[in-house]
Amino acid sequence: MTDITRSSGKLAAGALILIIGAAIFVDDLHDFVPGTDWLHWLPDFPPLIIGTFHLEHLYIGALIMLVGLIIMARS
């Protein structure tokens, strides 16, 4: 028998994190791509300002997707 529970759980967790990151990423596209206002479903939040860099939700979503991909690749 093969032990698929450990690998499958990590894969499922990584996929879930990837989907959450993609939802945040797609939601914030309306600030950068004209005509994508219909994708906006989260309430507006001010960006996190680090020094002079505005950390928009688009970047946070991309980082969350990257974490999900890393978890999936390591499973």
PDB file of N, CA and C in Angstrom:
ATOM      1  N   MET A   1       0.838  -1.177   0.000  1.00  0.00           N
ATOM      2  CA  MET A   1       0.000   0.000   0.000  1.00  0.00           C
ATOM      3  C   MET A   1       0.884   1.242   0.000  1.00  0.00           C
ATOM      4  N   THR A   2       0.409   2.269  -0.622  1.00  0.00           N
ATOM      5  CA  THR A   2       1.153   3.528  -0.641  1.00  0.00           C
ATOM      6  C   THR A   2       0.542   4.492   0.346  1.00  0.00           C
ATOM      7  N   ASP A   3       1.386   5.299   0.927  1.00  0.00           N
ATOM      8  CA  ASP A   3       0.934   6.310   1.884  1.00  0.00           C
ATOM      9  C   ASP A   3       0.668   7.603   1.126  1.00  0.00           C
ATOM     10  N   ILE A   4      -0.579   7.793   0.700  1.00  0.00           N
ATOM     11  CA  ILE A   4      -0.904   8.985  -0.086  1.00  0.00           C
ATOM     12  C   ILE A   4      -1.483  10.102   0.769  1.00  0.00           C
ATOM     13  N   THR A   5      -1.773   9.831   2.038  1.00  0.00           N
ATOM     14  CA  THR A   5      -2.430  10.855   2.851  1.00  0.00           C
ATOM     15  C   THR A   5      -1.532  12.043   3.126  1.00  0.00           C
ATOM     16  N   ARG A   6      -0.256  11.816   3.431  1.00  0.00           N
ATOM     17  CA  ARG A   6       0.639  12.933   3.736  1.00  0.00           C
ATOM     18  C   ARG A   6       0.856  13.794   2.493  1.00  0.00           C
ATOM     19  N   SER A   7       1.180  13.194   1.386  1.00  0.00           N
ATOM     20  CA  SER A   7       1.438  13.944   0.165  1.00  0.00           C
ATOM     21  C   SER A   7       0.165  14.603  -0.356  1.00  0.00           C
ATOM     22  N   SER A   8      -0.943  13.899  -0.282  1.00  0.00           N
ATOM     23  CA  SER A   8      -2.195  14.455  -0.779  1.00  0.00           C
ATOM     24  C   SER A   8      -2.644  15.647   0.060  1.00  0.00           C
ATOM     25  N   GLY A   9      -2.423  15.571   1.378  1.00  0.00           N
ATOM     26  CA  GLY A   9      -2.799  16.687   2.239  1.00  0.00           C
ATOM     27  C   GLY A   9      -1.993  17.932   1.941  1.00  0.00           C
ATOM     28  N   LYS A  10      -0.685  17.776   1.734  1.00  0.00           N
ATOM     29  CA  LYS A  10       0.151  18.925   1.388  1.00  0.00           C
ATOM     30  C   LYS A  10      -0.240  19.484   0.026  1.00  0.00           C
ATOM     31  N   LEU A  11      -0.542  18.598  -0.901  1.00  0.00           N
ATOM     32  CA  LEU A  11      -0.930  19.035  -2.233  1.00  0.00           C
ATOM     33  C   LEU A  11      -2.244  19.806  -2.181  1.00  0.00           C
ATOM     34  N   ALA A  12      -3.198  19.292  -1.410  1.00  0.00           N
ATOM     35  CA  ALA A  12      -4.490  19.972  -1.285  1.00  0.00           C
ATOM     36  C   ALA A  12      -4.337  21.326  -0.581  1.00  0.00           C
ATOM     37  N   ALA A  13      -3.508  21.380   0.457  1.00  0.00           N
ATOM     38  CA  ALA A  13      -3.281  22.650   1.160  1.00  0.00           C
ATOM     39  C   ALA A  13      -2.610  23.657   0.231  1.00  0.00           C
ATOM     40  N   GLY A  14      -1.623  23.206  -0.532  1.00  0.00           N
ATOM     41  CA  GLY A  14      -0.958  24.092  -1.482  1.00  0.00           C
ATOM     42  C   GLY A  14      -1.909  24.598  -2.552  1.00  0.00           C
ATOM     43  N   ALA A  15      -2.782  23.722  -3.034  1.00  0.00           N
ATOM     44  CA  ALA A  15      -3.756  24.127  -4.055  1.00  0.00           C
ATOM     45  C   ALA A  15      -4.741  25.138  -3.485  1.00  0.00           C
ATOM     46  N   LEU A  16      -5.172  24.935  -2.237  1.00  0.00           N
ATOM     47  CA  LEU A  16      -6.084  25.876  -1.602  1.00  0.00           C
ATOM     48  C   LEU A  16      -5.430  27.243  -1.419  1.00  0.00           C
ATOM     49  N   ILE A  17      -4.195  27.253  -0.987  1.00  0.00           N
ATOM     50  CA  ILE A  17      -3.460  28.512  -0.826  1.00  0.00           C
ATOM     51  C   ILE A  17      -3.265  29.189  -2.182  1.00  0.00           C
ATOM     52  N   LEU A  18      -2.997  28.413  -3.205  1.00  0.00           N
ATOM     53  CA  LEU A  18      -2.855  28.962  -4.555  1.00  0.00           C
ATOM     54  C   LEU A  18      -4.157  29.607  -5.025  1.00  0.00           C
ATOM     55  N   ILE A  19      -5.282  28.967  -4.772  1.00  0.00           N
ATOM     56  CA  ILE A  19      -6.580  29.511  -5.184  1.00  0.00           C
ATOM     57  C   ILE A  19      -6.902  30.796  -4.420  1.00  0.00           C
ATOM     58  N   ILE A  20      -6.601  30.828  -3.130  1.00  0.00           N
ATOM     59  CA  ILE A  20      -6.838  32.045  -2.335  1.00  0.00           C
ATOM     60  C   ILE A  20      -5.972  33.191  -2.859  1.00  0.00           C
ATOM     61  N   GLY A  21      -4.704  32.904  -3.145  1.00  0.00           N
ATOM     62  CA  GLY A  21      -3.822  33.926  -3.700  1.00  0.00           C
ATOM     63  C   GLY A  21      -4.293  34.422  -5.052  1.00  0.00           C
ATOM     64  N   ALA A  22      -4.791  33.493  -5.880  1.00  0.00           N
ATOM     65  CA  ALA A  22      -5.293  33.884  -7.207  1.00  0.00           C
ATOM     66  C   ALA A  22      -6.520  34.767  -7.082  1.00  0.00           C
ATOM     67  N   ALA A  23      -7.389  34.475  -6.102  1.00  0.00           N
ATOM     68  CA  ALA A  23      -8.589  35.298  -5.905  1.00  0.00           C
ATOM     69  C   ALA A  23      -8.210  36.715  -5.485  1.00  0.00           C
ATOM     70  N   ILE A  24      -7.240  36.843  -4.597  1.00  0.00           N
ATOM     71  CA  ILE A  24      -6.779  38.174  -4.165  1.00  0.00           C
ATOM     72  C   ILE A  24      -6.102  38.897  -5.331  1.00  0.00           C
ATOM     73  N   PHE A  25      -5.297  38.172  -6.098  1.00  0.00           N
ATOM     74  CA  PHE A  25      -4.597  38.744  -7.251  1.00  0.00           C
ATOM     75  C   PHE A  25      -5.589  39.265  -8.287  1.00  0.00           C
ATOM     76  N   VAL A  26      -6.578  38.446  -8.639  1.00  0.00           N
ATOM     77  CA  VAL A  26      -7.548  38.826  -9.662  1.00  0.00           C
ATOM     78  C   VAL A  26      -8.415  39.981  -9.175  1.00  0.00           C
ATOM     79  N   ASP A  27      -8.743  39.996  -7.894  1.00  0.00           N
ATOM     80  CA  ASP A  27      -9.576  41.072  -7.367  1.00  0.00           C
ATOM     81  C   ASP A  27      -8.898  42.427  -7.526  1.00  0.00           C
ATOM     82  N   ASP A  28      -7.607  42.492  -7.359  1.00  0.00           N
ATOM     83  CA  ASP A  28      -6.914  43.780  -7.399  1.00  0.00           C
ATOM     84  C   ASP A  28      -6.496  44.185  -8.811  1.00  0.00           C
ATOM     85  N   LEU A  29      -6.800  43.390  -9.812  1.00  0.00           N
ATOM     86  CA  LEU A  29      -6.459  43.771 -11.186  1.00  0.00           C
ATOM     87  C   LEU A  29      -7.184  45.038 -11.630  1.00  0.00           C
ATOM     88  N   HIS A  30      -8.329  45.323 -11.023  1.00  0.00           N
ATOM     89  CA  HIS A  30      -9.106  46.487 -11.471  1.00  0.00           C
ATOM     90  C   HIS A  30      -8.344  47.787 -11.270  1.00  0.00           C
ATOM     91  N   ASP A  31      -7.361  47.814 -10.378  1.00  0.00           N
ATOM     92  CA  ASP A  31      -6.560  49.025 -10.180  1.00  0.00           C
ATOM     93  C   ASP A  31      -5.517  49.212 -11.279  1.00  0.00           C
ATOM     94  N   PHE A  32      -5.154  48.148 -11.963  1.00  0.00           N
ATOM     95  CA  PHE A  32      -4.049  48.207 -12.921  1.00  0.00           C
ATOM     96  C   PHE A  32      -4.462  47.968 -14.365  1.00  0.00           C
ATOM     97  N   VAL A  33      -5.554  47.239 -14.593  1.00  0.00           N
ATOM     98  CA  VAL A  33      -5.975  46.889 -15.949  1.00  0.00           C
ATOM     99  C   VAL A  33      -7.354  47.490 -16.201  1.00  0.00           C
ATOM    100  N   PRO A  34      -7.455  48.394 -17.190  1.00  0.00           N
ATOM    101  CA  PRO A  34      -8.755  48.998 -17.476  1.00  0.00           C
ATOM    102  C   PRO A  34      -9.765  47.948 -17.961  1.00  0.00           C
ATOM    103  N   GLY A  35     -11.013  48.113 -17.566  1.00  0.00           N
ATOM    104  CA  GLY A  35     -12.069  47.219 -18.015  1.00  0.00           C
ATOM    105  C   GLY A  35     -12.239  45.973 -17.169  1.00  0.00           C
ATOM    106  N   THR A  36     -11.520  45.875 -16.058  1.00  0.00           N
ATOM    107  CA  THR A  36     -11.658  44.689 -15.209  1.00  0.00           C
ATOM    108  C   THR A  36     -12.354  45.021 -13.892  1.00  0.00           C
ATOM    109  N   ASP A  37     -13.179  46.051 -13.898  1.00  0.00           N
ATOM    110  CA  ASP A  37     -13.902  46.415 -12.673  1.00  0.00           C
ATOM    111  C   ASP A  37     -14.867  45.321 -12.235  1.00  0.00           C
ATOM    112  N   TRP A  38     -15.342  44.506 -13.152  1.00  0.00           N
ATOM    113  CA  TRP A  38     -16.277  43.444 -12.817  1.00  0.00           C
ATOM    114  C   TRP A  38     -15.613  42.332 -12.001  1.00  0.00           C
ATOM    115  N   LEU A  39     -14.261  42.288 -11.977  1.00  0.00           N
ATOM    116  CA  LEU A  39     -13.556  41.286 -11.185  1.00  0.00           C
ATOM    117  C   LEU A  39     -13.421  41.694  -9.721  1.00  0.00           C
ATOM    118  N   HIS A  40     -13.743  42.937  -9.415  1.00  0.00           N
ATOM    119  CA  HIS A  40     -13.547  43.472  -8.069  1.00  0.00           C
ATOM    120  C   HIS A  40     -14.667  42.996  -7.152  1.00  0.00           C
ATOM    121  N   TRP A  41     -14.336  42.180  -6.151  1.00  0.00           N
ATOM    122  CA  TRP A  41     -15.347  41.671  -5.233  1.00  0.00           C
ATOM    123  C   TRP A  41     -14.976  41.858  -3.767  1.00  0.00           C
ATOM    124  N   LEU A  42     -13.713  42.122  -3.443  1.00  0.00           N
ATOM    125  CA  LEU A  42     -13.319  42.407  -2.071  1.00  0.00           C
ATOM    126  C   LEU A  42     -13.477  43.903  -1.803  1.00  0.00           C
ATOM    127  N   PRO A  43     -13.722  44.304  -0.552  1.00  0.00           N
ATOM    128  CA  PRO A  43     -13.785  45.741  -0.270  1.00  0.00           C
ATOM    129  C   PRO A  43     -12.427  46.400  -0.483  1.00  0.00           C
ATOM    130  N   ASP A  44     -12.442  47.683  -0.775  1.00  0.00           N
ATOM    131  CA  ASP A  44     -11.187  48.406  -0.990  1.00  0.00           C
ATOM    132  C   ASP A  44     -10.445  48.581   0.331  1.00  0.00           C
ATOM    133  N   PHE A  45      -9.151  48.327   0.283  1.00  0.00           N
ATOM    134  CA  PHE A  45      -8.285  48.521   1.432  1.00  0.00           C
ATOM    135  C   PHE A  45      -7.143  49.425   0.997  1.00  0.00           C
ATOM    136  N   PRO A  46      -6.683  50.291   1.874  1.00  0.00           N
ATOM    137  CA  PRO A  46      -5.515  51.092   1.510  1.00  0.00           C
ATOM    138  C   PRO A  46      -4.282  50.187   1.429  1.00  0.00           C
ATOM    139  N   PRO A  47      -3.364  50.485   0.528  1.00  0.00           N
ATOM    140  CA  PRO A  47      -2.172  49.637   0.426  1.00  0.00           C
ATOM    141  C   PRO A  47      -1.275  49.788   1.643  1.00  0.00           C
ATOM    142  N   LEU A  48      -0.532  48.757   1.945  1.00  0.00           N
ATOM    143  CA  LEU A  48       0.451  48.798   3.022  1.00  0.00           C
ATOM    144  C   LEU A  48       1.674  49.522   2.482  1.00  0.00           C
ATOM    145  N   ILE A  49       2.091  50.585   3.142  1.00  0.00           N
ATOM    146  CA  ILE A  49       3.213  51.387   2.661  1.00  0.00           C
ATOM    147  C   ILE A  49       4.464  51.007   3.441  1.00  0.00           C
ATOM    148  N   ILE A  50       5.462  50.502   2.736  1.00  0.00           N
ATOM    149  CA  ILE A  50       6.748  50.136   3.329  1.00  0.00           C
ATOM    150  C   ILE A  50       7.787  51.074   2.731  1.00  0.00           C
ATOM    151  N   GLY A  51       8.229  52.050   3.507  1.00  0.00           N
ATOM    152  CA  GLY A  51       9.121  53.070   2.969  1.00  0.00           C
ATOM    153  C   GLY A  51       8.358  53.889   1.946  1.00  0.00           C
ATOM    154  N   THR A  52       8.771  53.809   0.702  1.00  0.00           N
ATOM    155  CA  THR A  52       8.056  54.493  -0.378  1.00  0.00           C
ATOM    156  C   THR A  52       7.345  53.500  -1.287  1.00  0.00           C
ATOM    157  N   PHE A  53       7.398  52.210  -0.961  1.00  0.00           N
ATOM    158  CA  PHE A  53       6.776  51.170  -1.792  1.00  0.00           C
ATOM    159  C   PHE A  53       5.357  50.909  -1.310  1.00  0.00           C
ATOM    160  N   HIS A  54       4.409  50.942  -2.224  1.00  0.00           N
ATOM    161  CA  HIS A  54       3.014  50.631  -1.915  1.00  0.00           C
ATOM    162  C   HIS A  54       2.785  49.151  -2.174  1.00  0.00           C
ATOM    163  N   LEU A  55       2.597  48.382  -1.116  1.00  0.00           N
ATOM    164  CA  LEU A  55       2.357  46.950  -1.240  1.00  0.00           C
ATOM    165  C   LEU A  55       0.874  46.746  -1.504  1.00  0.00           C
ATOM    166  N   GLU A  56       0.523  46.657  -2.775  1.00  0.00           N
ATOM    167  CA  GLU A  56      -0.866  46.488  -3.180  1.00  0.00           C
ATOM    168  C   GLU A  56      -1.291  45.033  -2.977  1.00  0.00           C
ATOM    169  N   HIS A  57      -2.589  44.802  -2.993  1.00  0.00           N
ATOM    170  CA  HIS A  57      -3.101  43.443  -2.826  1.00  0.00           C
ATOM    171  C   HIS A  57      -2.708  42.549  -3.994  1.00  0.00           C
ATOM    172  N   LEU A  58      -2.424  43.144  -5.136  1.00  0.00           N
ATOM    173  CA  LEU A  58      -1.965  42.375  -6.286  1.00  0.00           C
ATOM    174  C   LEU A  58      -0.672  41.650  -5.951  1.00  0.00           C
ATOM    175  N   TYR A  59       0.237  42.338  -5.301  1.00  0.00           N
ATOM    176  CA  TYR A  59       1.517  41.737  -4.935  1.00  0.00           C
ATOM    177  C   TYR A  59       1.351  40.712  -3.812  1.00  0.00           C
ATOM    178  N   ILE A  60       0.473  41.015  -2.861  1.00  0.00           N
ATOM    179  CA  ILE A  60       0.223  40.071  -1.774  1.00  0.00           C
ATOM    180  C   ILE A  60      -0.372  38.782  -2.340  1.00  0.00           C
ATOM    181  N   GLY A  61      -1.302  38.900  -3.274  1.00  0.00           N
ATOM    182  CA  GLY A  61      -1.879  37.718  -3.918  1.00  0.00           C
ATOM    183  C   GLY A  61      -0.833  36.910  -4.668  1.00  0.00           C
ATOM    184  N   ALA A  62       0.084  37.594  -5.343  1.00  0.00           N
ATOM    185  CA  ALA A  62       1.153  36.891  -6.062  1.00  0.00           C
ATOM    186  C   ALA A  62       2.077  36.165  -5.092  1.00  0.00           C
ATOM    187  N   LEU A  63       2.374  36.779  -3.953  1.00  0.00           N
ATOM    188  CA  LEU A  63       3.215  36.114  -2.951  1.00  0.00           C
ATOM    189  C   LEU A  63       2.513  34.898  -2.349  1.00  0.00           C
ATOM    190  N   ILE A  64       1.222  35.012  -2.091  1.00  0.00           N
ATOM    191  CA  ILE A  64       0.468  33.877  -1.557  1.00  0.00           C
ATOM    192  C   ILE A  64       0.428  32.746  -2.586  1.00  0.00           C
ATOM    193  N   MET A  65       0.253  33.084  -3.865  1.00  0.00           N
ATOM    194  CA  MET A  65       0.276  32.056  -4.901  1.00  0.00           C
ATOM    195  C   MET A  65       1.639  31.373  -4.964  1.00  0.00           C
ATOM    196  N   LEU A  66       2.706  32.143  -4.805  1.00  0.00           N
ATOM    197  CA  LEU A  66       4.050  31.571  -4.813  1.00  0.00           C
ATOM    198  C   LEU A  66       4.241  30.591  -3.654  1.00  0.00           C
ATOM    199  N   VAL A  67       3.732  30.952  -2.483  1.00  0.00           N
ATOM    200  CA  VAL A  67       3.817  30.044  -1.335  1.00  0.00           C
ATOM    201  C   VAL A  67       3.043  28.761  -1.623  1.00  0.00           C
ATOM    202  N   GLY A  68       1.862  28.881  -2.206  1.00  0.00           N
ATOM    203  CA  GLY A  68       1.080  27.706  -2.568  1.00  0.00           C
ATOM    204  C   GLY A  68       1.797  26.820  -3.573  1.00  0.00           C
ATOM    205  N   LEU A  69       2.444  27.429  -4.555  1.00  0.00           N
ATOM    206  CA  LEU A  69       3.194  26.648  -5.539  1.00  0.00           C
ATOM    207  C   LEU A  69       4.381  25.926  -4.899  1.00  0.00           C
ATOM    208  N   ILE A  70       5.040  26.586  -3.968  1.00  0.00           N
ATOM    209  CA  ILE A  70       6.175  25.954  -3.276  1.00  0.00           C
ATOM    210  C   ILE A  70       5.690  24.764  -2.453  1.00  0.00           C
ATOM    211  N   ILE A  71       4.578  24.933  -1.748  1.00  0.00           N
ATOM    212  CA  ILE A  71       4.027  23.826  -0.957  1.00  0.00           C
ATOM    213  C   ILE A  71       3.638  22.656  -1.873  1.00  0.00           C
ATOM    214  N   MET A  72       3.023  22.967  -3.002  1.00  0.00           N
ATOM    215  CA  MET A  72       2.636  21.907  -3.934  1.00  0.00           C
ATOM    216  C   MET A  72       3.854  21.205  -4.514  1.00  0.00           C
ATOM    217  N   ALA A  73       4.890  21.951  -4.805  1.00  0.00           N
ATOM    218  CA  ALA A  73       6.088  21.344  -5.397  1.00  0.00           C
ATOM    219  C   ALA A  73       6.829  20.476  -4.389  1.00  0.00           C
ATOM    220  N   ARG A  74       6.763  20.822  -3.126  1.00  0.00           N
ATOM    221  CA  ARG A  74       7.466  20.051  -2.095  1.00  0.00           C
ATOM    222  C   ARG A  74       6.687  18.854  -1.583  1.00  0.00           C
ATOM    223  N   SER A  75       5.418  18.734  -2.000  1.00  0.00           N
ATOM    224  CA  SER A  75       4.601  17.617  -1.508  1.00  0.00           C
ATOM    225  C   SER A  75       4.919  16.336  -2.239  1.00  0.00           C
TER     226      SER A  75
END
